[in-house]
N, C-alpha and C. Protein backbone atom coordinates (compact mmCIF):
# COMPACT_ATOMS: atom_id res chain seq x y z
N MET A 1 -11.58 -57.98 -29.10
CA MET A 1 -10.70 -57.49 -30.13
C MET A 1 -9.39 -57.05 -29.50
N LYS A 2 -8.32 -57.62 -29.97
CA LYS A 2 -7.01 -57.31 -29.44
C LYS A 2 -6.23 -56.47 -30.45
N ILE A 3 -5.52 -55.49 -29.93
CA ILE A 3 -4.65 -54.68 -30.78
C ILE A 3 -3.36 -55.47 -30.97
N GLU A 4 -3.06 -55.80 -32.21
CA GLU A 4 -1.88 -56.60 -32.50
C GLU A 4 -0.63 -55.75 -32.69
N LYS A 5 -0.84 -54.51 -33.18
CA LYS A 5 0.33 -53.68 -33.47
C LYS A 5 -0.08 -52.21 -33.53
N TYR A 6 0.79 -51.37 -32.99
CA TYR A 6 0.62 -49.93 -33.15
C TYR A 6 1.97 -49.33 -33.51
N ILE A 7 1.98 -48.58 -34.59
CA ILE A 7 3.13 -47.74 -34.96
C ILE A 7 2.55 -46.40 -35.37
N PHE A 8 3.37 -45.40 -35.47
CA PHE A 8 2.90 -44.06 -35.81
C PHE A 8 1.98 -44.12 -37.03
N GLY A 9 0.74 -43.72 -36.84
CA GLY A 9 -0.22 -43.62 -37.94
C GLY A 9 -0.94 -44.90 -38.32
N LYS A 10 -0.61 -46.01 -37.67
CA LYS A 10 -1.25 -47.28 -38.03
C LYS A 10 -1.50 -48.15 -36.80
N MET A 11 -2.59 -48.90 -36.88
CA MET A 11 -2.92 -49.85 -35.82
C MET A 11 -3.51 -51.09 -36.50
N VAL A 12 -3.13 -52.27 -36.02
CA VAL A 12 -3.68 -53.51 -36.54
C VAL A 12 -4.48 -54.17 -35.43
N ILE A 13 -5.76 -54.45 -35.75
CA ILE A 13 -6.68 -55.08 -34.80
C ILE A 13 -7.31 -56.27 -35.51
N ASP A 14 -7.15 -57.43 -34.92
CA ASP A 14 -7.70 -58.66 -35.50
C ASP A 14 -7.36 -58.79 -36.99
N GLY A 15 -6.12 -58.46 -37.33
CA GLY A 15 -5.64 -58.62 -38.71
C GLY A 15 -5.99 -57.52 -39.67
N ILE A 16 -6.75 -56.52 -39.22
CA ILE A 16 -7.15 -55.42 -40.09
C ILE A 16 -6.35 -54.18 -39.71
N GLU A 17 -5.78 -53.52 -40.72
CA GLU A 17 -4.98 -52.32 -40.49
C GLU A 17 -5.84 -51.07 -40.60
N TYR A 18 -5.67 -50.19 -39.63
CA TYR A 18 -6.38 -48.91 -39.59
C TYR A 18 -5.35 -47.78 -39.64
N SER A 19 -5.70 -46.71 -40.35
CA SER A 19 -4.77 -45.59 -40.46
C SER A 19 -5.44 -44.25 -40.15
N SER A 20 -6.62 -44.31 -39.56
CA SER A 20 -7.29 -43.08 -39.13
C SER A 20 -7.69 -43.25 -37.66
N ASP A 21 -7.98 -42.13 -37.01
CA ASP A 21 -8.37 -42.17 -35.60
C ASP A 21 -9.60 -43.06 -35.44
N LEU A 22 -9.68 -43.73 -34.29
CA LEU A 22 -10.76 -44.70 -34.15
C LEU A 22 -11.23 -44.86 -32.72
N ILE A 23 -12.42 -45.45 -32.61
CA ILE A 23 -12.98 -45.86 -31.33
C ILE A 23 -13.13 -47.38 -31.39
N ILE A 24 -12.61 -48.04 -30.36
CA ILE A 24 -12.76 -49.49 -30.27
C ILE A 24 -13.82 -49.77 -29.21
N PHE A 25 -14.96 -50.27 -29.66
CA PHE A 25 -16.04 -50.70 -28.79
C PHE A 25 -15.85 -52.18 -28.49
N PRO A 26 -16.55 -52.73 -27.50
CA PRO A 26 -16.40 -54.16 -27.23
C PRO A 26 -16.75 -55.06 -28.43
N ASN A 27 -17.64 -54.59 -29.31
CA ASN A 27 -18.10 -55.45 -30.41
C ASN A 27 -17.92 -54.86 -31.80
N LYS A 28 -17.29 -53.68 -31.92
CA LYS A 28 -17.10 -53.08 -33.24
C LYS A 28 -16.04 -51.99 -33.16
N ILE A 29 -15.66 -51.50 -34.33
CA ILE A 29 -14.68 -50.42 -34.43
C ILE A 29 -15.26 -49.32 -35.30
N ASP A 30 -15.16 -48.08 -34.82
CA ASP A 30 -15.53 -46.91 -35.61
C ASP A 30 -14.21 -46.30 -36.08
N SER A 31 -13.90 -46.50 -37.35
CA SER A 31 -12.63 -46.02 -37.89
C SER A 31 -12.74 -44.63 -38.52
N ASN A 32 -13.83 -43.96 -38.27
CA ASN A 32 -14.03 -42.60 -38.79
C ASN A 32 -14.18 -41.59 -37.66
N TRP A 33 -13.57 -41.84 -36.52
CA TRP A 33 -13.71 -40.94 -35.38
C TRP A 33 -12.95 -39.65 -35.63
N TRP A 34 -13.64 -38.55 -35.41
CA TRP A 34 -13.02 -37.24 -35.55
C TRP A 34 -13.57 -36.34 -34.46
N ARG A 35 -12.73 -35.47 -33.97
CA ARG A 35 -13.12 -34.58 -32.89
C ARG A 35 -13.43 -33.18 -33.42
N LEU A 36 -14.28 -32.50 -32.70
CA LEU A 36 -14.62 -31.12 -33.05
C LEU A 36 -13.37 -30.27 -33.15
N ASP A 37 -12.47 -30.43 -32.21
CA ASP A 37 -11.16 -29.76 -32.22
C ASP A 37 -10.14 -30.89 -32.24
N GLY A 38 -9.42 -31.06 -33.32
CA GLY A 38 -8.56 -32.21 -33.56
C GLY A 38 -7.69 -32.67 -32.41
N HIS A 39 -7.16 -31.76 -31.61
CA HIS A 39 -6.25 -32.16 -30.54
C HIS A 39 -6.83 -31.94 -29.14
N LEU A 40 -8.15 -31.85 -29.04
CA LEU A 40 -8.80 -31.71 -27.74
C LEU A 40 -10.06 -32.57 -27.74
N MET A 41 -10.09 -33.56 -26.87
CA MET A 41 -11.26 -34.42 -26.78
C MET A 41 -12.28 -33.79 -25.83
N GLN A 42 -13.48 -33.54 -26.37
CA GLN A 42 -14.54 -32.88 -25.63
C GLN A 42 -15.73 -33.83 -25.47
N PRO A 43 -16.66 -33.53 -24.57
CA PRO A 43 -17.80 -34.44 -24.36
C PRO A 43 -18.54 -34.81 -25.65
N GLN A 44 -18.74 -33.87 -26.55
CA GLN A 44 -19.48 -34.18 -27.78
C GLN A 44 -18.73 -35.16 -28.68
N ASP A 45 -17.42 -35.33 -28.46
CA ASP A 45 -16.64 -36.29 -29.25
C ASP A 45 -16.91 -37.73 -28.83
N LEU A 46 -17.64 -37.90 -27.73
CA LEU A 46 -17.96 -39.23 -27.21
C LEU A 46 -19.43 -39.58 -27.43
N LYS A 47 -20.11 -38.84 -28.26
CA LYS A 47 -21.56 -39.00 -28.42
C LYS A 47 -21.97 -40.38 -28.94
N THR A 48 -21.07 -41.09 -29.61
CA THR A 48 -21.43 -42.42 -30.12
C THR A 48 -21.21 -43.52 -29.09
N ILE A 49 -20.71 -43.15 -27.91
CA ILE A 49 -20.46 -44.12 -26.84
C ILE A 49 -21.58 -44.03 -25.81
N ASP A 50 -22.19 -45.16 -25.49
CA ASP A 50 -23.20 -45.19 -24.43
C ASP A 50 -22.46 -45.25 -23.10
N LEU A 51 -22.29 -44.11 -22.47
CA LEU A 51 -21.50 -44.00 -21.26
C LEU A 51 -22.11 -44.74 -20.07
N ASP A 52 -23.37 -45.12 -20.18
CA ASP A 52 -24.02 -45.87 -19.11
C ASP A 52 -23.67 -47.36 -19.15
N LEU A 53 -23.03 -47.79 -20.22
CA LEU A 53 -22.73 -49.22 -20.38
C LEU A 53 -21.26 -49.56 -20.22
N ILE A 54 -20.42 -48.59 -19.92
CA ILE A 54 -18.99 -48.89 -19.85
C ILE A 54 -18.42 -48.56 -18.47
N GLU A 55 -17.28 -49.15 -18.18
CA GLU A 55 -16.59 -48.93 -16.91
C GLU A 55 -15.31 -48.12 -17.09
N MET A 56 -14.73 -48.17 -18.29
CA MET A 56 -13.45 -47.53 -18.52
C MET A 56 -13.36 -46.99 -19.93
N ILE A 57 -12.70 -45.83 -20.05
CA ILE A 57 -12.31 -45.29 -21.36
C ILE A 57 -10.81 -45.13 -21.35
N ILE A 58 -10.19 -45.69 -22.37
CA ILE A 58 -8.75 -45.55 -22.56
C ILE A 58 -8.54 -44.57 -23.71
N VAL A 59 -7.73 -43.57 -23.48
CA VAL A 59 -7.47 -42.54 -24.49
C VAL A 59 -6.02 -42.62 -24.93
N GLY A 60 -5.82 -42.92 -26.21
CA GLY A 60 -4.49 -42.87 -26.81
C GLY A 60 -4.31 -41.50 -27.46
N GLN A 61 -3.38 -40.73 -26.94
CA GLN A 61 -3.21 -39.33 -27.33
C GLN A 61 -2.35 -39.11 -28.58
N GLY A 62 -1.99 -40.17 -29.28
CA GLY A 62 -1.03 -40.06 -30.38
C GLY A 62 0.34 -40.47 -29.88
N MET A 63 1.28 -40.64 -30.80
CA MET A 63 2.59 -41.12 -30.39
C MET A 63 3.27 -40.20 -29.38
N PRO A 64 3.34 -38.88 -29.64
CA PRO A 64 3.96 -38.01 -28.63
C PRO A 64 2.99 -37.50 -27.57
N GLY A 65 1.73 -37.84 -27.69
CA GLY A 65 0.75 -37.47 -26.66
C GLY A 65 0.21 -36.05 -26.79
N LEU A 66 -0.01 -35.58 -28.00
CA LEU A 66 -0.46 -34.20 -28.20
C LEU A 66 -1.96 -33.98 -28.02
N MET A 67 -2.77 -35.03 -28.20
CA MET A 67 -4.21 -34.85 -28.02
C MET A 67 -4.51 -34.80 -26.52
N LYS A 68 -5.24 -33.80 -26.09
CA LYS A 68 -5.56 -33.61 -24.68
C LYS A 68 -7.03 -33.93 -24.43
N VAL A 69 -7.37 -34.15 -23.17
CA VAL A 69 -8.75 -34.40 -22.75
C VAL A 69 -9.21 -33.18 -21.97
N SER A 70 -10.32 -32.59 -22.41
CA SER A 70 -10.81 -31.37 -21.75
C SER A 70 -11.26 -31.67 -20.32
N GLU A 71 -11.26 -30.64 -19.51
CA GLU A 71 -11.74 -30.77 -18.13
C GLU A 71 -13.21 -31.15 -18.10
N GLU A 72 -13.99 -30.64 -19.05
CA GLU A 72 -15.42 -30.99 -19.13
C GLU A 72 -15.59 -32.49 -19.38
N THR A 73 -14.74 -33.04 -20.22
CA THR A 73 -14.81 -34.48 -20.50
C THR A 73 -14.44 -35.27 -19.25
N LYS A 74 -13.39 -34.86 -18.57
CA LYS A 74 -12.98 -35.54 -17.34
C LYS A 74 -14.10 -35.48 -16.30
N ASP A 75 -14.74 -34.32 -16.17
CA ASP A 75 -15.84 -34.17 -15.21
C ASP A 75 -17.02 -35.08 -15.56
N LEU A 76 -17.37 -35.13 -16.84
CA LEU A 76 -18.47 -35.99 -17.29
C LEU A 76 -18.19 -37.46 -16.95
N LEU A 77 -17.00 -37.91 -17.24
CA LEU A 77 -16.66 -39.31 -16.98
C LEU A 77 -16.63 -39.60 -15.48
N LYS A 78 -16.17 -38.64 -14.71
CA LYS A 78 -16.16 -38.81 -13.25
C LYS A 78 -17.59 -38.92 -12.72
N GLN A 79 -18.50 -38.09 -13.24
CA GLN A 79 -19.90 -38.14 -12.82
C GLN A 79 -20.53 -39.49 -13.14
N LYS A 80 -20.09 -40.10 -14.23
CA LYS A 80 -20.63 -41.40 -14.66
C LYS A 80 -19.88 -42.57 -14.02
N ASN A 81 -18.91 -42.28 -13.14
CA ASN A 81 -18.09 -43.31 -12.49
C ASN A 81 -17.33 -44.17 -13.50
N ILE A 82 -16.82 -43.53 -14.55
CA ILE A 82 -16.05 -44.22 -15.56
C ILE A 82 -14.57 -43.92 -15.32
N THR A 83 -13.79 -44.98 -15.24
CA THR A 83 -12.35 -44.83 -15.08
C THR A 83 -11.77 -44.30 -16.38
N LEU A 84 -10.92 -43.31 -16.27
CA LEU A 84 -10.28 -42.69 -17.43
C LEU A 84 -8.78 -42.97 -17.37
N TYR A 85 -8.26 -43.54 -18.44
CA TYR A 85 -6.82 -43.77 -18.57
C TYR A 85 -6.37 -42.99 -19.80
N VAL A 86 -5.40 -42.11 -19.62
CA VAL A 86 -4.92 -41.26 -20.71
C VAL A 86 -3.41 -41.39 -20.80
N SER A 87 -2.93 -41.69 -22.01
CA SER A 87 -1.49 -41.80 -22.22
C SER A 87 -1.21 -41.73 -23.72
N ASN A 88 0.08 -41.74 -24.06
CA ASN A 88 0.40 -41.78 -25.49
C ASN A 88 -0.16 -43.08 -26.06
N SER A 89 -0.32 -43.15 -27.36
CA SER A 89 -1.03 -44.29 -27.96
C SER A 89 -0.32 -45.63 -27.76
N ALA A 90 1.00 -45.64 -27.65
CA ALA A 90 1.71 -46.89 -27.41
C ALA A 90 1.35 -47.45 -26.03
N LYS A 91 1.41 -46.63 -25.00
CA LYS A 91 1.07 -47.08 -23.65
C LYS A 91 -0.42 -47.39 -23.54
N ALA A 92 -1.26 -46.60 -24.21
CA ALA A 92 -2.70 -46.85 -24.18
C ALA A 92 -3.04 -48.18 -24.86
N THR A 93 -2.30 -48.53 -25.89
CA THR A 93 -2.48 -49.83 -26.56
C THR A 93 -2.21 -50.96 -25.58
N GLN A 94 -1.13 -50.85 -24.85
CA GLN A 94 -0.78 -51.87 -23.86
C GLN A 94 -1.85 -51.97 -22.77
N LYS A 95 -2.30 -50.83 -22.28
CA LYS A 95 -3.34 -50.82 -21.24
C LYS A 95 -4.63 -51.46 -21.76
N TYR A 96 -5.00 -51.12 -22.98
CA TYR A 96 -6.21 -51.69 -23.58
C TYR A 96 -6.12 -53.22 -23.62
N ASN A 97 -5.01 -53.72 -24.12
CA ASN A 97 -4.86 -55.17 -24.23
C ASN A 97 -4.86 -55.86 -22.87
N GLU A 98 -4.41 -55.17 -21.84
CA GLU A 98 -4.41 -55.72 -20.48
C GLU A 98 -5.80 -55.74 -19.86
N THR A 99 -6.68 -54.84 -20.27
CA THR A 99 -7.96 -54.67 -19.58
C THR A 99 -9.19 -55.16 -20.35
N ILE A 100 -9.05 -55.50 -21.61
CA ILE A 100 -10.25 -55.82 -22.40
C ILE A 100 -11.06 -56.99 -21.85
N ASP A 101 -10.41 -57.92 -21.19
CA ASP A 101 -11.14 -59.06 -20.64
C ASP A 101 -11.61 -58.83 -19.21
N LYS A 102 -11.23 -57.71 -18.61
CA LYS A 102 -11.51 -57.47 -17.20
C LYS A 102 -12.61 -56.45 -16.95
N SER A 103 -12.93 -55.64 -17.94
CA SER A 103 -13.95 -54.60 -17.72
C SER A 103 -14.62 -54.25 -19.04
N ARG A 104 -15.70 -53.53 -18.92
CA ARG A 104 -16.38 -53.02 -20.11
C ARG A 104 -15.63 -51.76 -20.53
N THR A 105 -14.75 -51.93 -21.50
CA THR A 105 -13.82 -50.89 -21.90
C THR A 105 -14.07 -50.42 -23.32
N VAL A 106 -13.96 -49.11 -23.51
CA VAL A 106 -13.94 -48.51 -24.83
C VAL A 106 -12.62 -47.75 -24.93
N ALA A 107 -12.01 -47.80 -26.09
CA ALA A 107 -10.75 -47.07 -26.29
C ALA A 107 -10.89 -46.14 -27.48
N VAL A 108 -10.32 -44.96 -27.33
CA VAL A 108 -10.30 -43.99 -28.42
C VAL A 108 -8.83 -43.69 -28.72
N PHE A 109 -8.48 -43.69 -30.00
CA PHE A 109 -7.09 -43.51 -30.37
C PHE A 109 -6.91 -42.44 -31.43
N HIS A 110 -6.01 -41.53 -31.11
CA HIS A 110 -5.45 -40.60 -32.09
C HIS A 110 -4.17 -41.29 -32.53
N LEU A 111 -4.09 -41.67 -33.79
CA LEU A 111 -3.00 -42.54 -34.21
C LEU A 111 -1.70 -41.83 -34.58
N THR A 112 -1.75 -40.53 -34.75
CA THR A 112 -0.53 -39.85 -35.18
C THR A 112 -0.01 -38.94 -34.08
N CYS A 113 -0.05 -37.64 -34.33
CA CYS A 113 0.54 -36.68 -33.39
C CYS A 113 -0.27 -36.60 -32.12
């Protein structure tokens, strides 16, 4: 699945437009992703991802990059030997499109702030 377009509040993937935060798995999209604390990604926010099956997580923090990744989340991913890439959603979109064919990647996107 390739991200065709990202603008503030919207993302187009394989011709389908999404306007809520989402998780892109290798074979599906969860367009109802929500975090316990809206602007802080914590380990429990990744409960639908099988961390034993992936190599990389790409985090799109929103257009200005306001969503942060907790230290607990970073520690968990490090323990699992998962590469973590964190940036604003525009740069994370680019990184996702560059890596989807090279690794088992999951991406999580905050589409707005």
